[in-house]
């Protein structure tokens, strides 16, 4: 009888006893322990390396963010200064334009006054000459009509003095 039964493992779960299951489980753990350990260790190393890379990238991103904020502040200050400078330049330019326009208006006004004065003087001179000629014409008519030589001599002297003044 002893010889007729073979020694071996019974893998049928319903026919096996607890000892066979424990032996089978310990054999599986012993055989695959190295494989599981190496896989778990490799995976752990990959995760640690990935986390280290992420933390390094996070530090670099924080540094770049700080640099970008500094550059942004510098650019904002530069633009504010440039806008202030431009507004100052614009105000100076407007002041210069105002002064130029004011000077041009003053020059135009003085030229206009000179022109009016010159034309007024010319018109006045013309009027004087016209009145003198008219007066001389009337005097000549009176001289021709006058019979006394003394009277005509006095009129001629008056005419000569008027002609010399003109």
C-alpha atoms as a PDB file:
ATOM      1  CA  UNK A   1       0.000   0.000   0.000  1.00  0.00           C
ATOM      2  CA  UNK A   2       2.654   2.367   0.882  1.00  0.00           C
ATOM      3  CA  UNK A   3       4.279   1.783  -2.431  1.00  0.00           C
ATOM      4  CA  UNK A   4       1.169   2.189  -4.396  1.00  0.00           C
ATOM      5  CA  UNK A   5       0.630   5.750  -3.421  1.00  0.00           C
ATOM      6  CA  UNK A   6       2.856   8.262  -4.901  1.00  0.00           C
ATOM      7  CA  UNK A   7       4.316  11.093  -3.000  1.00  0.00           C
ATOM      8  CA  UNK A   8       3.506  14.541  -4.430  1.00  0.00           C
ATOM      9  CA  UNK A   9       1.553  17.674  -4.156  1.00  0.00           C
ATOM     10  CA  UNK A  10      -2.156  17.792  -4.471  1.00  0.00           C
ATOM     11  CA  UNK A  11      -3.161  21.022  -6.166  1.00  0.00           C
ATOM     12  CA  UNK A  12      -6.847  20.492  -6.039  1.00  0.00           C
ATOM     13  CA  UNK A  13      -8.076  23.012  -3.519  1.00  0.00           C
ATOM     14  CA  UNK A  14     -10.997  20.970  -2.386  1.00  0.00           C
ATOM     15  CA  UNK A  15      -8.839  17.916  -1.695  1.00  0.00           C
ATOM     16  CA  UNK A  16      -5.805  19.606  -0.180  1.00  0.00           C
ATOM     17  CA  UNK A  17      -5.248  20.234   3.389  1.00  0.00           C
ATOM     18  CA  UNK A  18      -3.892  23.261   5.119  1.00  0.00           C
ATOM     19  CA  UNK A  19      -0.332  22.023   5.210  1.00  0.00           C
ATOM     20  CA  UNK A  20      -0.190  21.610   1.426  1.00  0.00           C
ATOM     21  CA  UNK A  21      -1.510  25.145   0.921  1.00  0.00           C
ATOM     22  CA  UNK A  22       1.087  26.630   3.307  1.00  0.00           C
ATOM     23  CA  UNK A  23       3.881  24.706   1.617  1.00  0.00           C
ATOM     24  CA  UNK A  24       2.702  25.897  -1.789  1.00  0.00           C
ATOM     25  CA  UNK A  25       2.444  29.521  -0.658  1.00  0.00           C
ATOM     26  CA  UNK A  26       5.920  29.492   0.965  1.00  0.00           C
ATOM     27  CA  UNK A  27       7.414  27.901  -2.158  1.00  0.00           C
ATOM     28  CA  UNK A  28       5.818  30.625  -4.371  1.00  0.00           C
ATOM     29  CA  UNK A  29       7.057  33.393  -2.050  1.00  0.00           C
ATOM     30  CA  UNK A  30      10.560  31.883  -1.878  1.00  0.00           C
ATOM     31  CA  UNK A  31      10.865  31.436  -5.667  1.00  0.00           C
ATOM     32  CA  UNK A  32       9.381  34.772  -6.703  1.00  0.00           C
ATOM     33  CA  UNK A  33      10.724  36.787  -3.740  1.00  0.00           C
ATOM     34  CA  UNK A  34      13.788  38.005  -5.639  1.00  0.00           C
ATOM     35  CA  UNK A  35      11.712  38.952  -8.686  1.00  0.00           C
ATOM     36  CA  UNK A  36       9.157  40.864  -6.611  1.00  0.00           C
ATOM     37  CA  UNK A  37      11.816  42.554  -4.513  1.00  0.00           C
ATOM     38  CA  UNK A  38      13.808  43.696  -7.530  1.00  0.00           C
ATOM     39  CA  UNK A  39      10.654  44.953  -9.302  1.00  0.00           C
ATOM     40  CA  UNK A  40       9.468  46.806  -6.220  1.00  0.00           C
ATOM     41  CA  UNK A  41      12.951  48.259  -5.616  1.00  0.00           C
ATOM     42  CA  UNK A  42      13.242  49.368  -9.262  1.00  0.00           C
ATOM     43  CA  UNK A  43       9.821  50.947  -9.124  1.00  0.00           C
ATOM     44  CA  UNK A  44      10.669  52.681  -5.833  1.00  0.00           C
ATOM     45  CA  UNK A  45      13.895  54.062  -7.363  1.00  0.00           C
ATOM     46  CA  UNK A  46      11.986  55.299 -10.426  1.00  0.00           C
ATOM     47  CA  UNK A  47       9.427  57.052  -8.235  1.00  0.00           C
ATOM     48  CA  UNK A  48      12.139  58.651  -6.064  1.00  0.00           C
ATOM     49  CA  UNK A  49      14.047  59.764  -9.177  1.00  0.00           C
ATOM     50  CA  UNK A  50      10.832  61.166 -10.679  1.00  0.00           C
ATOM     51  CA  UNK A  51      10.032  63.046  -7.440  1.00  0.00           C
ATOM     52  CA  UNK A  52      13.591  64.413  -7.274  1.00  0.00           C
ATOM     53  CA  UNK A  53      13.322  65.599 -10.878  1.00  0.00           C
ATOM     54  CA  UNK A  54       9.968  67.201 -10.115  1.00  0.00           C
ATOM     55  CA  UNK A  55      11.317  68.972  -7.021  1.00  0.00           C
ATOM     56  CA  UNK A  56      14.357  70.202  -9.027  1.00  0.00           C
ATOM     57  CA  UNK A  57      12.067  71.447 -11.804  1.00  0.00           C
ATOM     58  CA  UNK A  58       9.863  73.120  -9.169  1.00  0.00           C
ATOM     59  CA  UNK A  59      12.858  74.967  -7.721  1.00  0.00           C
ATOM     60  CA  UNK A  60      13.943  76.071 -11.210  1.00  0.00           C
ATOM     61  CA  UNK A  61      10.378  77.180 -11.999  1.00  0.00           C
ATOM     62  CA  UNK A  62      10.261  79.185  -8.753  1.00  0.00           C
ATOM     63  CA  UNK A  63      13.570  80.877  -9.624  1.00  0.00           C
ATOM     64  CA  UNK A  64      12.352  81.652 -13.148  1.00  0.00           C
ATOM     65  CA  UNK A  65       9.091  83.020 -11.695  1.00  0.00           C
ATOM     66  CA  UNK A  66      11.028  85.324  -9.363  1.00  0.00           C
ATOM     67  CA  UNK A  67      13.261  86.448 -12.256  1.00  0.00           C
ATOM     68  CA  UNK A  68      10.201  87.086 -14.424  1.00  0.00           C
ATOM     69  CA  UNK A  69       8.578  89.128 -11.640  1.00  0.00           C
ATOM     70  CA  UNK A  70      11.767  91.179 -11.253  1.00  0.00           C
ATOM     71  CA  UNK A  71      11.951  91.765 -15.007  1.00  0.00           C
ATOM     72  CA  UNK A  72       8.251  92.661 -15.040  1.00  0.00           C
ATOM     73  CA  UNK A  73       8.757  95.208 -12.258  1.00  0.00           C
ATOM     74  CA  UNK A  74      11.790  96.652 -14.051  1.00  0.00           C
ATOM     75  CA  UNK A  75       9.835  96.902 -17.296  1.00  0.00           C
ATOM     76  CA  UNK A  76       6.849  98.463 -15.530  1.00  0.00           C
ATOM     77  CA  UNK A  77       9.133 101.025 -13.870  1.00  0.00           C
ATOM     78  CA  UNK A  78      10.872 101.713 -17.183  1.00  0.00           C
ATOM     79  CA  UNK A  79       7.544 102.216 -18.943  1.00  0.00           C
ATOM     80  CA  UNK A  80       6.292 104.470 -16.152  1.00  0.00           C
ATOM     81  CA  UNK A  81       9.477 106.542 -16.396  1.00  0.00           C
ATOM     82  CA  UNK A  82       9.195 106.626 -20.186  1.00  0.00           C
ATOM     83  CA  UNK A  83       5.541 107.716 -19.972  1.00  0.00           C
ATOM     84  CA  UNK A  84       6.500 110.428 -17.479  1.00  0.00           C
ATOM     85  CA  UNK A  85       9.357 111.549 -19.724  1.00  0.00           C
ATOM     86  CA  UNK A  86       7.072 111.575 -22.742  1.00  0.00           C
ATOM     87  CA  UNK A  87       4.483 113.621 -20.877  1.00  0.00           C
ATOM     88  CA  UNK A  88       7.228 116.055 -19.827  1.00  0.00           C
ATOM     89  CA  UNK A  89       8.507 116.223 -23.423  1.00  0.00           C
ATOM     90  CA  UNK A  90       4.958 116.749 -24.648  1.00  0.00           C
ATOM     91  CA  UNK A  91       4.430 119.559 -22.150  1.00  0.00           C
ATOM     92  CA  UNK A  92       7.720 121.182 -23.174  1.00  0.00           C
ATOM     93  CA  UNK A  93       6.829 120.825 -26.838  1.00  0.00           C
ATOM     94  CA  UNK A  94       3.382 122.322 -26.234  1.00  0.00           C
ATOM     95  CA  UNK A  95       4.950 125.200 -24.318  1.00  0.00           C
ATOM     96  CA  UNK A  96       7.386 125.842 -27.173  1.00  0.00           C
ATOM     97  CA  UNK A  97       4.580 125.695 -29.723  1.00  0.00           C
ATOM     98  CA  UNK A  98       2.520 128.094 -27.608  1.00  0.00           C
ATOM     99  CA  UNK A  99       5.480 130.486 -27.379  1.00  0.00           C
ATOM    100  CA  UNK A 100       6.070 130.226 -31.143  1.00  0.00           C
ATOM    101  CA  UNK A 101       2.411 130.897 -31.905  1.00  0.00           C
ATOM    102  CA  UNK A 102       2.383 133.782 -29.458  1.00  0.00           C
ATOM    103  CA  UNK A 103       5.557 135.235 -31.040  1.00  0.00           C
ATOM    104  CA  UNK A 104       4.101 134.769 -34.534  1.00  0.00           C
ATOM    105  CA  UNK A 105       0.903 136.546 -33.475  1.00  0.00           C
ATOM    106  CA  UNK A 106       2.902 139.401 -31.963  1.00  0.00           C
ATOM    107  CA  UNK A 107       4.983 139.707 -35.143  1.00  0.00           C
ATOM    108  CA  UNK A 108       1.842 139.658 -37.273  1.00  0.00           C
ATOM    109  CA  UNK A 109       0.207 142.263 -35.049  1.00  0.00           C
ATOM    110  CA  UNK A 110       3.236 144.554 -35.193  1.00  0.00           C
ATOM    111  CA  UNK A 111       3.546 144.129 -38.972  1.00  0.00           C
ATOM    112  CA  UNK A 112      -0.170 144.853 -39.301  1.00  0.00           C
ATOM    113  CA  UNK A 113       0.156 147.961 -37.138  1.00  0.00           C
ATOM    114  CA  UNK A 114       3.147 149.121 -39.182  1.00  0.00           C
ATOM    115  CA  UNK A 115       1.238 148.468 -42.361  1.00  0.00           C
ATOM    116  CA  UNK A 116      -1.757 150.367 -41.064  1.00  0.00           C
ATOM    117  CA  UNK A 117       0.470 153.212 -39.883  1.00  0.00           C
ATOM    118  CA  UNK A 118       2.365 153.275 -43.179  1.00  0.00           C
ATOM    119  CA  UNK A 119      -0.777 153.187 -45.251  1.00  0.00           C
ATOM    120  CA  UNK A 120      -2.349 155.761 -42.938  1.00  0.00           C
ATOM    121  CA  UNK A 121       0.628 158.050 -43.399  1.00  0.00           C
ATOM    122  CA  UNK A 122       0.552 157.561 -47.147  1.00  0.00           C
ATOM    123  CA  UNK A 123      -3.148 158.299 -47.216  1.00  0.00           C
ATOM    124  CA  UNK A 124      -2.611 161.333 -45.010  1.00  0.00           C
ATOM    125  CA  UNK A 125       0.178 162.586 -47.288  1.00  0.00           C
ATOM    126  CA  UNK A 126      -2.016 161.973 -50.297  1.00  0.00           C
ATOM    127  CA  UNK A 127      -4.862 163.886 -48.615  1.00  0.00           C
ATOM    128  CA  UNK A 128      -2.539 166.757 -47.752  1.00  0.00           C
ATOM    129  CA  UNK A 129      -1.292 166.989 -51.326  1.00  0.00           C
ATOM    130  CA  UNK A 130      -4.838 166.809 -52.623  1.00  0.00           C
ATOM    131  CA  UNK A 131      -5.982 169.594 -50.324  1.00  0.00           C
ATOM    132  CA  UNK A 132      -2.964 171.741 -51.184  1.00  0.00           C
ATOM    133  CA  UNK A 133      -3.516 171.314 -54.907  1.00  0.00           C
ATOM    134  CA  UNK A 134      -7.180 172.093 -54.490  1.00  0.00           C
ATOM    135  CA  UNK A 135      -6.367 175.120 -52.402  1.00  0.00           C
ATOM    136  CA  UNK A 136      -3.763 176.239 -54.927  1.00  0.00           C
ATOM    137  CA  UNK A 137      -6.287 175.907 -57.699  1.00  0.00           C
ATOM    138  CA  UNK A 138      -8.730 178.124 -55.838  1.00  0.00           C
ATOM    139  CA  UNK A 139      -5.996 180.627 -55.060  1.00  0.00           C
ATOM    140  CA  UNK A 140      -4.955 180.793 -58.690  1.00  0.00           C
ATOM    141  CA  UNK A 141      -8.549 181.484 -59.642  1.00  0.00           C
ATOM    142  CA  UNK A 142      -8.687 184.277 -57.053  1.00  0.00           C
ATOM    143  CA  UNK A 143      -5.354 185.694 -58.235  1.00  0.00           C
ATOM    144  CA  UNK A 144      -6.615 185.879 -61.757  1.00  0.00           C
ATOM    145  CA  UNK A 145      -9.757 187.647 -60.588  1.00  0.00           C
ATOM    146  CA  UNK A 146      -8.031 190.047 -58.252  1.00  0.00           C
ATOM    147  CA  UNK A 147      -7.188 193.502 -59.548  1.00  0.00           C
ATOM    148  CA  UNK A 148      -4.800 194.763 -56.975  1.00  0.00           C
ATOM    149  CA  UNK A 149      -1.183 193.873 -57.350  1.00  0.00           C
ATOM    150  CA  UNK A 150      -0.528 193.873 -53.655  1.00  0.00           C
ATOM    151  CA  UNK A 151      -3.230 191.326 -53.052  1.00  0.00           C
ATOM    152  CA  UNK A 152      -2.033 189.111 -55.891  1.00  0.00           C
ATOM    153  CA  UNK A 153       1.577 189.373 -54.680  1.00  0.00           C
ATOM    154  CA  UNK A 154       0.509 188.191 -51.206  1.00  0.00           C
ATOM    155  CA  UNK A 155      -1.374 185.225 -52.687  1.00  0.00           C
ATOM    156  CA  UNK A 156       1.653 184.238 -54.796  1.00  0.00           C
ATOM    157  CA  UNK A 157       3.890 184.284 -51.719  1.00  0.00           C
ATOM    158  CA  UNK A 158       1.422 182.054 -49.842  1.00  0.00           C
ATOM    159  CA  UNK A 159       1.363 179.617 -52.769  1.00  0.00           C
ATOM    160  CA  UNK A 160       5.169 179.501 -52.937  1.00  0.00           C
ATOM    161  CA  UNK A 161       5.430 178.803 -49.211  1.00  0.00           C
ATOM    162  CA  UNK A 162       2.868 175.951 -49.513  1.00  0.00           C
ATOM    163  CA  UNK A 163       4.706 174.430 -52.433  1.00  0.00           C
ATOM    164  CA  UNK A 164       7.992 174.479 -50.526  1.00  0.00           C
ATOM    165  CA  UNK A 165       6.357 172.645 -47.540  1.00  0.00           C
ATOM    166  CA  UNK A 166       4.884 169.932 -49.738  1.00  0.00           C
END
